[in-house]
Amino acid sequence: SPYRAEEEQKRKEGEAIDQQYKATLDRTNRGPAEKVVNDPWSNM
């Protein structure tokens, strides 16, 4: 069926996109962000 081949190709493309996304997340993950304390009245 031509539809089966098309579905298979879409599935493979989706898996490739997922792998790229996960790889990007792994490269950009730098650990937990530092907690920033915002106190506008600290100088008062």
PDB file of all heavy atoms in Angstrom:
ATOM      1  N   SER A   1       0.831  -1.190   0.000  1.00  0.00           N
ATOM      2  CA  SER A   1       0.000   0.000   0.000  1.00  0.00           C
ATOM      3  C   SER A   1       0.873   1.250   0.000  1.00  0.00           C
ATOM      4  O   SER A   1       1.823   1.357   0.765  1.00  0.00           O
ATOM      5  CB  SER A   1      -0.905   0.002   1.232  1.00  0.00           C
ATOM      6  OG  SER A   1      -1.601   1.213   1.320  1.00  0.00           O
ATOM      7  N   PRO A   2       0.589   2.230  -0.852  1.00  0.00           N
ATOM      8  CA  PRO A   2       1.378   3.466  -0.847  1.00  0.00           C
ATOM      9  C   PRO A   2       1.198   4.246   0.459  1.00  0.00           C
ATOM     10  O   PRO A   2       2.086   4.970   0.880  1.00  0.00           O
ATOM     11  CB  PRO A   2       0.853   4.257  -2.031  1.00  0.00           C
ATOM     12  CG  PRO A   2      -0.461   3.666  -2.360  1.00  0.00           C
ATOM     13  CD  PRO A   2      -0.422   2.238  -1.891  1.00  0.00           C
ATOM     14  N   TYR A   3       0.059   4.077   1.096  1.00  0.00           N
ATOM     15  CA  TYR A   3      -0.171   4.757   2.360  1.00  0.00           C
ATOM     16  C   TYR A   3       0.730   4.196   3.451  1.00  0.00           C
ATOM     17  O   TYR A   3       1.195   4.914   4.315  1.00  0.00           O
ATOM     18  CB  TYR A   3      -1.638   4.635   2.785  1.00  0.00           C
ATOM     19  CG  TYR A   3      -2.581   5.297   1.815  1.00  0.00           C
ATOM     20  CD1 TYR A   3      -3.488   4.555   1.080  1.00  0.00           C
ATOM     21  CD2 TYR A   3      -2.548   6.673   1.633  1.00  0.00           C
ATOM     22  CE1 TYR A   3      -4.339   5.166   0.192  1.00  0.00           C
ATOM     23  CE2 TYR A   3      -3.394   7.289   0.750  1.00  0.00           C
ATOM     24  CZ  TYR A   3      -4.299   6.535   0.029  1.00  0.00           C
ATOM     25  OH  TYR A   3      -5.138   7.135  -0.856  1.00  0.00           O
ATOM     26  N   ARG A   4       0.974   2.899   3.414  1.00  0.00           N
ATOM     27  CA  ARG A   4       1.830   2.278   4.418  1.00  0.00           C
ATOM     28  C   ARG A   4       3.252   2.805   4.286  1.00  0.00           C
ATOM     29  O   ARG A   4       3.907   3.101   5.289  1.00  0.00           O
ATOM     30  CB  ARG A   4       1.815   0.761   4.270  1.00  0.00           C
ATOM     31  CG  ARG A   4       2.654   0.073   5.335  1.00  0.00           C
ATOM     32  CD  ARG A   4       2.453  -1.409   5.375  1.00  0.00           C
ATOM     33  NE  ARG A   4       1.084  -1.793   5.648  1.00  0.00           N
ATOM     34  CZ  ARG A   4       0.564  -1.914   6.874  1.00  0.00           C
ATOM     35  NH1 ARG A   4       1.311  -1.657   7.902  1.00  0.00           N
ATOM     36  NH2 ARG A   4      -0.671  -2.286   7.045  1.00  0.00           N
ATOM     37  N   ALA A   5       3.750   2.948   3.063  1.00  0.00           N
ATOM     38  CA  ALA A   5       5.098   3.469   2.862  1.00  0.00           C
ATOM     39  C   ALA A   5       5.185   4.921   3.340  1.00  0.00           C
ATOM     40  O   ALA A   5       6.180   5.324   3.956  1.00  0.00           O
ATOM     41  CB  ALA A   5       5.479   3.372   1.385  1.00  0.00           C
ATOM     42  N   GLU A   6       4.133   5.680   3.082  1.00  0.00           N
ATOM     43  CA  GLU A   6       4.110   7.075   3.507  1.00  0.00           C
ATOM     44  C   GLU A   6       4.081   7.174   5.039  1.00  0.00           C
ATOM     45  O   GLU A   6       4.793   7.999   5.628  1.00  0.00           O
ATOM     46  CB  GLU A   6       2.879   7.763   2.923  1.00  0.00           C
ATOM     47  CG  GLU A   6       2.787   9.242   3.212  1.00  0.00           C
ATOM     48  CD  GLU A   6       1.573   9.866   2.563  1.00  0.00           C
ATOM     49  OE1 GLU A   6       1.178   9.427   1.464  1.00  0.00           O
ATOM     50  OE2 GLU A   6       1.020  10.798   3.172  1.00  0.00           O
ATOM     51  N   GLU A   7       3.292   6.334   5.675  1.00  0.00           N
ATOM     52  CA  GLU A   7       3.225   6.330   7.131  1.00  0.00           C
ATOM     53  C   GLU A   7       4.564   5.911   7.736  1.00  0.00           C
ATOM     54  O   GLU A   7       4.995   6.471   8.744  1.00  0.00           O
ATOM     55  CB  GLU A   7       2.117   5.390   7.610  1.00  0.00           C
ATOM     56  CG  GLU A   7       0.726   5.899   7.350  1.00  0.00           C
ATOM     57  CD  GLU A   7      -0.342   4.891   7.751  1.00  0.00           C
ATOM     58  OE1 GLU A   7       0.010   3.807   8.260  1.00  0.00           O
ATOM     59  OE2 GLU A   7      -1.519   5.194   7.546  1.00  0.00           O
ATOM     60  N   GLU A   8       5.205   4.939   7.128  1.00  0.00           N
ATOM     61  CA  GLU A   8       6.510   4.481   7.614  1.00  0.00           C
ATOM     62  C   GLU A   8       7.544   5.599   7.517  1.00  0.00           C
ATOM     63  O   GLU A   8       8.344   5.806   8.433  1.00  0.00           O
ATOM     64  CB  GLU A   8       6.966   3.258   6.802  1.00  0.00           C
ATOM     65  CG  GLU A   8       8.275   2.668   7.250  1.00  0.00           C
ATOM     66  CD  GLU A   8       8.171   1.996   8.608  1.00  0.00           C
ATOM     67  OE1 GLU A   8       7.072   1.603   9.012  1.00  0.00           O
ATOM     68  OE2 GLU A   8       9.229   1.885   9.273  1.00  0.00           O
ATOM     69  N   GLN A   9       7.526   6.345   6.415  1.00  0.00           N
ATOM     70  CA  GLN A   9       8.472   7.440   6.244  1.00  0.00           C
ATOM     71  C   GLN A   9       8.195   8.555   7.261  1.00  0.00           C
ATOM     72  O   GLN A   9       9.126   9.113   7.840  1.00  0.00           O
ATOM     73  CB  GLN A   9       8.391   8.003   4.829  1.00  0.00           C
ATOM     74  CG  GLN A   9       9.407   9.094   4.566  1.00  0.00           C
ATOM     75  CD  GLN A   9       9.449   9.503   3.120  1.00  0.00           C
ATOM     76  OE1 GLN A   9       8.824   8.877   2.281  1.00  0.00           O
ATOM     77  NE2 GLN A   9      10.172  10.548   2.821  1.00  0.00           N
ATOM     78  N   LYS A  10       6.928   8.860   7.498  1.00  0.00           N
ATOM     79  CA  LYS A  10       6.590   9.882   8.490  1.00  0.00           C
ATOM     80  C   LYS A  10       7.035   9.447   9.887  1.00  0.00           C
ATOM     81  O   LYS A  10       7.508  10.266  10.676  1.00  0.00           O
ATOM     82  CB  LYS A  10       5.084  10.148   8.495  1.00  0.00           C
ATOM     83  CG  LYS A  10       4.616  10.977   7.326  1.00  0.00           C
ATOM     84  CD  LYS A  10       3.129  11.249   7.427  1.00  0.00           C
ATOM     85  CE  LYS A  10       2.638  12.033   6.248  1.00  0.00           C
ATOM     86  NZ  LYS A  10       1.187  12.303   6.325  1.00  0.00           N
ATOM     87  N   ARG A  11       6.876   8.159  10.192  1.00  0.00           N
ATOM     88  CA  ARG A  11       7.295   7.650  11.492  1.00  0.00           C
ATOM     89  C   ARG A  11       8.805   7.783  11.654  1.00  0.00           C
ATOM     90  O   ARG A  11       9.305   8.219  12.700  1.00  0.00           O
ATOM     91  CB  ARG A  11       6.876   6.193  11.653  1.00  0.00           C
ATOM     92  CG  ARG A  11       7.176   5.636  13.042  1.00  0.00           C
ATOM     93  CD  ARG A  11       6.868   4.158  13.129  1.00  0.00           C
ATOM     94  NE  ARG A  11       7.635   3.345  12.208  1.00  0.00           N
ATOM     95  CZ  ARG A  11       8.918   2.977  12.396  1.00  0.00           C
ATOM     96  NH1 ARG A  11       9.543   3.352  13.489  1.00  0.00           N
ATOM     97  NH2 ARG A  11       9.546   2.242  11.520  1.00  0.00           N
ATOM     98  N   LYS A  12       9.564   7.442  10.601  1.00  0.00           N
ATOM     99  CA  LYS A  12      11.023   7.551  10.658  1.00  0.00           C
ATOM    100  C   LYS A  12      11.460   9.007  10.805  1.00  0.00           C
ATOM    101  O   LYS A  12      12.390   9.316  11.556  1.00  0.00           O
ATOM    102  CB  LYS A  12      11.655   6.945   9.411  1.00  0.00           C
ATOM    103  CG  LYS A  12      11.608   5.429   9.399  1.00  0.00           C
ATOM    104  CD  LYS A  12      12.259   4.874   8.157  1.00  0.00           C
ATOM    105  CE  LYS A  12      12.190   3.355   8.130  1.00  0.00           C
ATOM    106  NZ  LYS A  12      12.804   2.807   6.910  1.00  0.00           N
ATOM    107  N   GLU A  13      10.800   9.917  10.087  1.00  0.00           N
ATOM    108  CA  GLU A  13      11.129  11.332  10.206  1.00  0.00           C
ATOM    109  C   GLU A  13      10.834  11.836  11.622  1.00  0.00           C
ATOM    110  O   GLU A  13      11.595  12.617  12.179  1.00  0.00           O
ATOM    111  CB  GLU A  13      10.346  12.149   9.185  1.00  0.00           C
ATOM    112  CG  GLU A  13      10.813  11.958   7.757  1.00  0.00           C
ATOM    113  CD  GLU A  13       9.930  12.665   6.739  1.00  0.00           C
ATOM    114  OE1 GLU A  13       8.923  13.290   7.140  1.00  0.00           O
ATOM    115  OE2 GLU A  13      10.239  12.589   5.545  1.00  0.00           O
ATOM    116  N   GLY A  14       9.729  11.389  12.179  1.00  0.00           N
ATOM    117  CA  GLY A  14       9.378  11.780  13.538  1.00  0.00           C
ATOM    118  C   GLY A  14      10.394  11.286  14.549  1.00  0.00           C
ATOM    119  O   GLY A  14      10.765  12.008  15.480  1.00  0.00           O
ATOM    120  N   GLU A  15      10.859  10.055  14.374  1.00  0.00           N
ATOM    121  CA  GLU A  15      11.881   9.521  15.276  1.00  0.00           C
ATOM    122  C   GLU A  15      13.191  10.294  15.142  1.00  0.00           C
ATOM    123  O   GLU A  15      13.869  10.560  16.138  1.00  0.00           O
ATOM    124  CB  GLU A  15      12.108   8.043  14.998  1.00  0.00           C
ATOM    125  CG  GLU A  15      10.971   7.149  15.451  1.00  0.00           C
ATOM    126  CD  GLU A  15      11.182   5.699  15.073  1.00  0.00           C
ATOM    127  OE1 GLU A  15      12.198   5.376  14.410  1.00  0.00           O
ATOM    128  OE2 GLU A  15      10.327   4.882  15.446  1.00  0.00           O
ATOM    129  N   ALA A  16      13.559  10.675  13.908  1.00  0.00           N
ATOM    130  CA  ALA A  16      14.783  11.443  13.699  1.00  0.00           C
ATOM    131  C   ALA A  16      14.673  12.813  14.360  1.00  0.00           C
ATOM    132  O   ALA A  16      15.635  13.292  14.987  1.00  0.00           O
ATOM    133  CB  ALA A  16      15.060  11.592  12.199  1.00  0.00           C
ATOM    134  N   ILE A  17      13.521  13.437  14.254  1.00  0.00           N
ATOM    135  CA  ILE A  17      13.316  14.744  14.881  1.00  0.00           C
ATOM    136  C   ILE A  17      13.395  14.613  16.401  1.00  0.00           C
ATOM    137  O   ILE A  17      13.998  15.447  17.073  1.00  0.00           O
ATOM    138  CB  ILE A  17      11.970  15.349  14.438  1.00  0.00           C
ATOM    139  CG1 ILE A  17      12.050  15.751  12.961  1.00  0.00           C
ATOM    140  CG2 ILE A  17      11.579  16.539  15.301  1.00  0.00           C
ATOM    141  CD1 ILE A  17      10.731  16.159  12.363  1.00  0.00           C
ATOM    142  N   ASP A  18      12.808  13.552  16.943  1.00  0.00           N
ATOM    143  CA  ASP A  18      12.874  13.325  18.385  1.00  0.00           C
ATOM    144  C   ASP A  18      14.313  13.134  18.855  1.00  0.00           C
ATOM    145  O   ASP A  18      14.713  13.656  19.899  1.00  0.00           O
ATOM    146  CB  ASP A  18      12.035  12.109  18.789  1.00  0.00           C
ATOM    147  CG  ASP A  18      10.551  12.389  18.750  1.00  0.00           C
ATOM    148  OD1 ASP A  18      10.163  13.575  18.746  1.00  0.00           O
ATOM    149  OD2 ASP A  18       9.781  11.404  18.715  1.00  0.00           O
ATOM    150  N   GLN A  19      15.102  12.381  18.095  1.00  0.00           N
ATOM    151  CA  GLN A  19      16.496  12.161  18.466  1.00  0.00           C
ATOM    152  C   GLN A  19      17.280  13.473  18.426  1.00  0.00           C
ATOM    153  O   GLN A  19      18.101  13.740  19.308  1.00  0.00           O
ATOM    154  CB  GLN A  19      17.136  11.138  17.538  1.00  0.00           C
ATOM    155  CG  GLN A  19      16.645   9.726  17.773  1.00  0.00           C
ATOM    156  CD  GLN A  19      17.216   8.746  16.770  1.00  0.00           C
ATOM    157  OE1 GLN A  19      17.880   9.123  15.809  1.00  0.00           O
ATOM    158  NE2 GLN A  19      16.932   7.458  16.978  1.00  0.00           N
ATOM    159  N   GLN A  20      17.036  14.286  17.406  1.00  0.00           N
ATOM    160  CA  GLN A  20      17.716  15.580  17.322  1.00  0.00           C
ATOM    161  C   GLN A  20      17.320  16.477  18.489  1.00  0.00           C
ATOM    162  O   GLN A  20      18.156  17.173  19.067  1.00  0.00           O
ATOM    163  CB  GLN A  20      17.385  16.272  16.007  1.00  0.00           C
ATOM    164  CG  GLN A  20      17.974  15.609  14.796  1.00  0.00           C
ATOM    165  CD  GLN A  20      17.473  16.235  13.499  1.00  0.00           C
ATOM    166  OE1 GLN A  20      16.616  17.108  13.512  1.00  0.00           O
ATOM    167  NE2 GLN A  20      18.004  15.769  12.379  1.00  0.00           N
ATOM    168  N   TYR A  21      16.047  16.462  18.839  1.00  0.00           N
ATOM    169  CA  TYR A  21      15.557  17.275  19.951  1.00  0.00           C
ATOM    170  C   TYR A  21      16.207  16.850  21.263  1.00  0.00           C
ATOM    171  O   TYR A  21      16.674  17.684  22.039  1.00  0.00           O
ATOM    172  CB  TYR A  21      14.036  17.152  20.034  1.00  0.00           C
ATOM    173  CG  TYR A  21      13.423  17.863  21.205  1.00  0.00           C
ATOM    174  CD1 TYR A  21      13.328  19.254  21.221  1.00  0.00           C
ATOM    175  CD2 TYR A  21      12.926  17.157  22.290  1.00  0.00           C
ATOM    176  CE1 TYR A  21      12.753  19.915  22.291  1.00  0.00           C
ATOM    177  CE2 TYR A  21      12.354  17.812  23.365  1.00  0.00           C
ATOM    178  CZ  TYR A  21      12.267  19.189  23.360  1.00  0.00           C
ATOM    179  OH  TYR A  21      11.711  19.826  24.423  1.00  0.00           O
ATOM    180  N   LYS A  22      16.263  15.545  21.502  1.00  0.00           N
ATOM    181  CA  LYS A  22      16.874  15.044  22.733  1.00  0.00           C
ATOM    182  C   LYS A  22      18.364  15.367  22.780  1.00  0.00           C
ATOM    183  O   LYS A  22      18.905  15.706  23.828  1.00  0.00           O
ATOM    184  CB  LYS A  22      16.643  13.549  22.867  1.00  0.00           C
ATOM    185  CG  LYS A  22      15.198  13.210  23.193  1.00  0.00           C
ATOM    186  CD  LYS A  22      14.971  11.724  23.259  1.00  0.00           C
ATOM    187  CE  LYS A  22      13.508  11.423  23.521  1.00  0.00           C
ATOM    188  NZ  LYS A  22      13.228   9.988  23.518  1.00  0.00           N
ATOM    189  N   ALA A  23      19.042  15.256  21.643  1.00  0.00           N
ATOM    190  CA  ALA A  23      20.465  15.585  21.594  1.00  0.00           C
ATOM    191  C   ALA A  23      20.689  17.067  21.892  1.00  0.00           C
ATOM    192  O   ALA A  23      21.624  17.437  22.607  1.00  0.00           O
ATOM    193  CB  ALA A  23      21.044  15.222  20.230  1.00  0.00           C
ATOM    194  N   THR A  24      19.827  17.913  21.376  1.00  0.00           N
ATOM    195  CA  THR A  24      19.933  19.350  21.640  1.00  0.00           C
ATOM    196  C   THR A  24      19.698  19.644  23.114  1.00  0.00           C
ATOM    197  O   THR A  24      20.397  20.457  23.713  1.00  0.00           O
ATOM    198  CB  THR A  24      18.919  20.127  20.771  1.00  0.00           C
ATOM    199  OG1 THR A  24      19.165  19.834  19.400  1.00  0.00           O
ATOM    200  CG2 THR A  24      19.041  21.621  20.997  1.00  0.00           C
ATOM    201  N   LEU A  25      18.722  18.983  23.707  1.00  0.00           N
ATOM    202  CA  LEU A  25      18.469  19.170  25.129  1.00  0.00           C
ATOM    203  C   LEU A  25      19.663  18.728  25.964  1.00  0.00           C
ATOM    204  O   LEU A  25      20.029  19.386  26.942  1.00  0.00           O
ATOM    205  CB  LEU A  25      17.226  18.398  25.569  1.00  0.00           C
ATOM    206  CG  LEU A  25      15.880  19.008  25.221  1.00  0.00           C
ATOM    207  CD1 LEU A  25      14.755  18.103  25.710  1.00  0.00           C
ATOM    208  CD2 LEU A  25      15.731  20.383  25.811  1.00  0.00           C
ATOM    209  N   ASP A  26      20.281  17.622  25.595  1.00  0.00           N
ATOM    210  CA  ASP A  26      21.448  17.134  26.326  1.00  0.00           C
ATOM    211  C   ASP A  26      22.615  18.110  26.225  1.00  0.00           C
ATOM    212  O   ASP A  26      23.356  18.314  27.187  1.00  0.00           O
ATOM    213  CB  ASP A  26      21.872  15.760  25.823  1.00  0.00           C
ATOM    214  CG  ASP A  26      20.883  14.675  26.220  1.00  0.00           C
ATOM    215  OD1 ASP A  26      20.100  14.898  27.167  1.00  0.00           O
ATOM    216  OD2 ASP A  26      20.902  13.608  25.569  1.00  0.00           O
ATOM    217  N   ARG A  27      22.784  18.725  25.059  1.00  0.00           N
ATOM    218  CA  ARG A  27      23.887  19.670  24.874  1.00  0.00           C
ATOM    219  C   ARG A  27      23.642  20.960  25.650  1.00  0.00           C
ATOM    220  O   ARG A  27      24.577  21.583  26.141  1.00  0.00           O
ATOM    221  CB  ARG A  27      24.064  20.010  23.396  1.00  0.00           C
ATOM    222  CG  ARG A  27      24.745  18.927  22.604  1.00  0.00           C
ATOM    223  CD  ARG A  27      25.186  19.450  21.244  1.00  0.00           C
ATOM    224  NE  ARG A  27      24.148  20.184  20.535  1.00  0.00           N
ATOM    225  CZ  ARG A  27      23.360  19.685  19.591  1.00  0.00           C
ATOM    226  NH1 ARG A  27      23.498  18.432  19.225  1.00  0.00           N
ATOM    227  NH2 ARG A  27      22.463  20.424  18.992  1.00  0.00           N
ATOM    228  N   THR A  28      22.397  21.396  25.742  1.00  0.00           N
ATOM    229  CA  THR A  28      22.104  22.677  26.378  1.00  0.00           C
ATOM    230  C   THR A  28      21.795  22.555  27.857  1.00  0.00           C
ATOM    231  O   THR A  28      21.723  23.572  28.545  1.00  0.00           O
ATOM    232  CB  THR A  28      20.914  23.370  25.696  1.00  0.00           C
ATOM    233  OG1 THR A  28      19.767  22.523  25.776  1.00  0.00           O
ATOM    234  CG2 THR A  28      21.231  23.683  24.252  1.00  0.00           C
ATOM    235  N   ASN A  29      21.635  21.372  28.375  1.00  0.00           N
ATOM    236  CA  ASN A  29      21.307  21.196  29.780  1.00  0.00           C
ATOM    237  C   ASN A  29      22.549  21.462  30.619  1.00  0.00           C
ATOM    238  O   ASN A  29      23.522  20.737  30.566  1.00  0.00           O
ATOM    239  CB  ASN A  29      20.780  19.789  30.038  1.00  0.00           C
ATOM    240  CG  ASN A  29      20.189  19.660  31.414  1.00  0.00           C
ATOM    241  OD1 ASN A  29      20.065  20.641  32.134  1.00  0.00           O
ATOM    242  ND2 ASN A  29      19.820  18.455  31.776  1.00  0.00           N
ATOM    243  N   ARG A  30      22.503  22.507  31.413  1.00  0.00           N
ATOM    244  CA  ARG A  30      23.660  22.901  32.209  1.00  0.00           C
ATOM    245  C   ARG A  30      23.406  22.713  33.695  1.00  0.00           C
ATOM    246  O   ARG A  30      24.112  23.269  34.513  1.00  0.00           O
ATOM    247  CB  ARG A  30      23.996  24.351  31.926  1.00  0.00           C
ATOM    248  CG  ARG A  30      24.431  24.575  30.513  1.00  0.00           C
ATOM    249  CD  ARG A  30      24.899  25.998  30.308  1.00  0.00           C
ATOM    250  NE  ARG A  30      25.273  26.176  28.931  1.00  0.00           N
ATOM    251  CZ  ARG A  30      24.699  27.023  28.108  1.00  0.00           C
ATOM    252  NH1 ARG A  30      23.736  27.800  28.525  1.00  0.00           N
ATOM    253  NH2 ARG A  30      25.094  27.114  26.859  1.00  0.00           N
ATOM    254  N   GLY A  31      22.400  21.983  34.040  1.00  0.00           N
ATOM    255  CA  GLY A  31      22.092  21.768  35.449  1.00  0.00           C
ATOM    256  C   GLY A  31      21.037  22.740  35.927  1.00  0.00           C
ATOM    257  O   GLY A  31      20.486  23.522  35.166  1.00  0.00           O
ATOM    258  N   PRO A  32      20.771  22.693  37.213  1.00  0.00           N
ATOM    259  CA  PRO A  32      19.721  23.573  37.743  1.00  0.00           C
ATOM    260  C   PRO A  32      20.152  25.037  37.695  1.00  0.00           C
ATOM    261  O   PRO A  32      21.310  25.374  37.915  1.00  0.00           O
ATOM    262  CB  PRO A  32      19.543  23.096  39.178  1.00  0.00           C
ATOM    263  CG  PRO A  32      20.803  22.395  39.515  1.00  0.00           C
ATOM    264  CD  PRO A  32      21.334  21.833  38.230  1.00  0.00           C
ATOM    265  N   ALA A  33      19.221  25.892  37.390  1.00  0.00           N
ATOM    266  CA  ALA A  33      19.511  27.323  37.316  1.00  0.00           C
ATOM    267  C   ALA A  33      19.653  27.888  38.724  1.00  0.00           C
ATOM    268  O   ALA A  33      19.043  27.409  39.669  1.00  0.00           O
ATOM    269  CB  ALA A  33      18.387  28.044  36.580  1.00  0.00           C
ATOM    270  N   GLU A  34      20.462  28.902  38.839  1.00  0.00           N
ATOM    271  CA  GLU A  34      20.662  29.536  40.136  1.00  0.00           C
ATOM    272  C   GLU A  34      19.411  30.315  40.505  1.00  0.00           C
ATOM    273  O   GLU A  34      18.811  30.981  39.666  1.00  0.00           O
ATOM    274  CB  GLU A  34      21.855  30.482  40.082  1.00  0.00           C
ATOM    275  CG  GLU A  34      23.173  29.785  39.857  1.00  0.00           C
ATOM    276  CD  GLU A  34      24.310  30.782  39.818  1.00  0.00           C
ATOM    277  OE1 GLU A  34      24.155  31.902  40.335  1.00  0.00           O
ATOM    278  OE2 GLU A  34      25.344  30.421  39.260  1.00  0.00           O
ATOM    279  N   LYS A  35      19.055  30.240  41.768  1.00  0.00           N
ATOM    280  CA  LYS A  35      17.879  30.943  42.231  1.00  0.00           C
ATOM    281  C   LYS A  35      18.226  32.413  42.413  1.00  0.00           C
ATOM    282  O   LYS A  35      19.145  32.763  43.150  1.00  0.00           O
ATOM    283  CB  LYS A  35      17.383  30.346  43.538  1.00  0.00           C
ATOM    284  CG  LYS A  35      16.085  30.936  43.998  1.00  0.00           C
ATOM    285  CD  LYS A  35      15.576  30.250  45.240  1.00  0.00           C
ATOM    286  CE  LYS A  35      14.271  30.854  45.669  1.00  0.00           C
ATOM    287  NZ  LYS A  35      13.765  30.232  46.893  1.00  0.00           N
ATOM    288  N   VAL A  36      17.497  33.289  41.757  1.00  0.00           N
ATOM    289  CA  VAL A  36      17.736  34.721  41.821  1.00  0.00           C
ATOM    290  C   VAL A  36      16.747  35.314  42.812  1.00  0.00           C
ATOM    291  O   VAL A  36      15.539  35.130  42.680  1.00  0.00           O
ATOM    292  CB  VAL A  36      17.561  35.371  40.435  1.00  0.00           C
ATOM    293  CG1 VAL A  36      17.749  36.873  40.519  1.00  0.00           C
ATOM    294  CG2 VAL A  36      18.520  34.750  39.451  1.00  0.00           C
ATOM    295  N   VAL A  37      17.260  36.004  43.784  1.00  0.00           N
ATOM    296  CA  VAL A  37      16.415  36.640  44.783  1.00  0.00           C
ATOM    297  C   VAL A  37      16.169  38.070  44.340  1.00  0.00           C
ATOM    298  O   VAL A  37      17.107  38.847  44.144  1.00  0.00           O
ATOM    299  CB  VAL A  37      17.090  36.604  46.173  1.00  0.00           C
ATOM    300  CG1 VAL A  37      16.224  37.308  47.197  1.00  0.00           C
ATOM    301  CG2 VAL A  37      17.368  35.179  46.582  1.00  0.00           C
ATOM    302  N   ASN A  38      14.924  38.415  44.200  1.00  0.00           N
ATOM    303  CA  ASN A  38      14.553  39.739  43.755  1.00  0.00           C
ATOM    304  C   ASN A  38      13.901  40.463  44.933  1.00  0.00           C
ATOM    305  O   ASN A  38      12.781  40.168  45.321  1.00  0.00           O
ATOM    306  CB  ASN A  38      13.591  39.658  42.573  1.00  0.00           C
ATOM    307  CG  ASN A  38      13.318  41.026  41.987  1.00  0.00           C
ATOM    308  OD1 ASN A  38      13.938  41.992  42.351  1.00  0.00           O
ATOM    309  ND2 ASN A  38      12.372  41.077  41.076  1.00  0.00           N
ATOM    310  N   ASP A  39      14.611  41.409  45.504  1.00  0.00           N
ATOM    311  CA  ASP A  39      14.101  42.172  46.639  1.00  0.00           C
ATOM    312  C   ASP A  39      14.193  43.661  46.297  1.00  0.00           C
ATOM    313  O   ASP A  39      15.238  44.289  46.483  1.00  0.00           O
ATOM    314  CB  ASP A  39      14.905  41.851  47.897  1.00  0.00           C
ATOM    315  CG  ASP A  39      14.288  42.462  49.141  1.00  0.00           C
ATOM    316  OD1 ASP A  39      13.161  43.013  49.043  1.00  0.00           O
ATOM    317  OD2 ASP A  39      14.917  42.389  50.197  1.00  0.00           O
ATOM    318  N   PRO A  40      13.125  44.253  45.793  1.00  0.00           N
ATOM    319  CA  PRO A  40      13.188  45.661  45.381  1.00  0.00           C
ATOM    320  C   PRO A  40      13.331  46.620  46.563  1.00  0.00           C
ATOM    321  O   PRO A  40      13.740  47.762  46.390  1.00  0.00           O
ATOM    322  CB  PRO A  40      11.878  45.881  44.651  1.00  0.00           C
ATOM    323  CG  PRO A  40      10.959  44.844  45.160  1.00  0.00           C
ATOM    324  CD  PRO A  40      11.824  43.672  45.519  1.00  0.00           C
ATOM    325  N   TRP A  41      13.023  46.202  47.782  1.00  0.00           N
ATOM    326  CA  TRP A  41      13.097  47.076  48.946  1.00  0.00           C
ATOM    327  C   TRP A  41      14.401  46.886  49.727  1.00  0.00           C
ATOM    328  O   TRP A  41      14.547  47.415  50.834  1.00  0.00           O
ATOM    329  CB  TRP A  41      11.913  46.803  49.871  1.00  0.00           C
ATOM    330  CG  TRP A  41      10.625  47.211  49.251  1.00  0.00           C
ATOM    331  CD1 TRP A  41       9.774  46.419  48.564  1.00  0.00           C
ATOM    332  CD2 TRP A  41      10.076  48.515  49.221  1.00  0.00           C
ATOM    333  NE1 TRP A  41       8.706  47.129  48.114  1.00  0.00           N
ATOM    334  CE2 TRP A  41       8.864  48.441  48.504  1.00  0.00           C
ATOM    335  CE3 TRP A  41      10.472  49.744  49.725  1.00  0.00           C
ATOM    336  CZ2 TRP A  41       8.072  49.556  48.285  1.00  0.00           C
ATOM    337  CZ3 TRP A  41       9.669  50.850  49.507  1.00  0.00           C
ATOM    338  CH2 TRP A  41       8.488  50.752  48.796  1.00  0.00           C
ATOM    339  N   SER A  42      15.355  46.195  49.189  1.00  0.00           N
ATOM    340  CA  SER A  42      16.578  45.902  49.940  1.00  0.00           C
ATOM    341  C   SER A  42      17.367  47.159  50.290  1.00  0.00           C
ATOM    342  O   SER A  42      17.961  47.245  51.356  1.00  0.00           O
ATOM    343  CB  SER A  42      17.456  44.936  49.168  1.00  0.00           C
ATOM    344  OG  SER A  42      17.870  45.533  47.955  1.00  0.00           O
ATOM    345  N   ASN A  43      17.366  48.170  49.446  1.00  0.00           N
ATOM    346  CA  ASN A  43      18.128  49.382  49.741  1.00  0.00           C
ATOM    347  C   ASN A  43      17.349  50.340  50.649  1.00  0.00           C
ATOM    348  O   ASN A  43      17.885  51.330  51.109  1.00  0.00           O
ATOM    349  CB  ASN A  43      18.555  50.091  48.463  1.00  0.00           C
ATOM    350  CG  ASN A  43      17.372  50.488  47.620  1.00  0.00           C
ATOM    351  OD1 ASN A  43      16.244  50.121  47.898  1.00  0.00           O
ATOM    352  ND2 ASN A  43      17.640  51.236  46.555  1.00  0.00           N
ATOM    353  N   MET A  44      16.092  50.082  50.950  1.00  0.00           N
ATOM    354  CA  MET A  44      15.289  50.932  51.817  1.00  0.00           C
ATOM    355  C   MET A  44      15.361  50.499  53.282  1.00  0.00           C
ATOM    356  O   MET A  44      15.040  51.266  54.162  1.00  0.00           O
ATOM    357  CB  MET A  44      13.823  50.909  51.391  1.00  0.00           C
ATOM    358  CG  MET A  44      13.618  51.478  50.029  1.00  0.00           C
ATOM    359  SD  MET A  44      14.119  53.181  50.073  1.00  0.00           S
ATOM    360  CE  MET A  44      13.261  53.818  48.703  1.00  0.00           C
TER     361      MET A  44
END
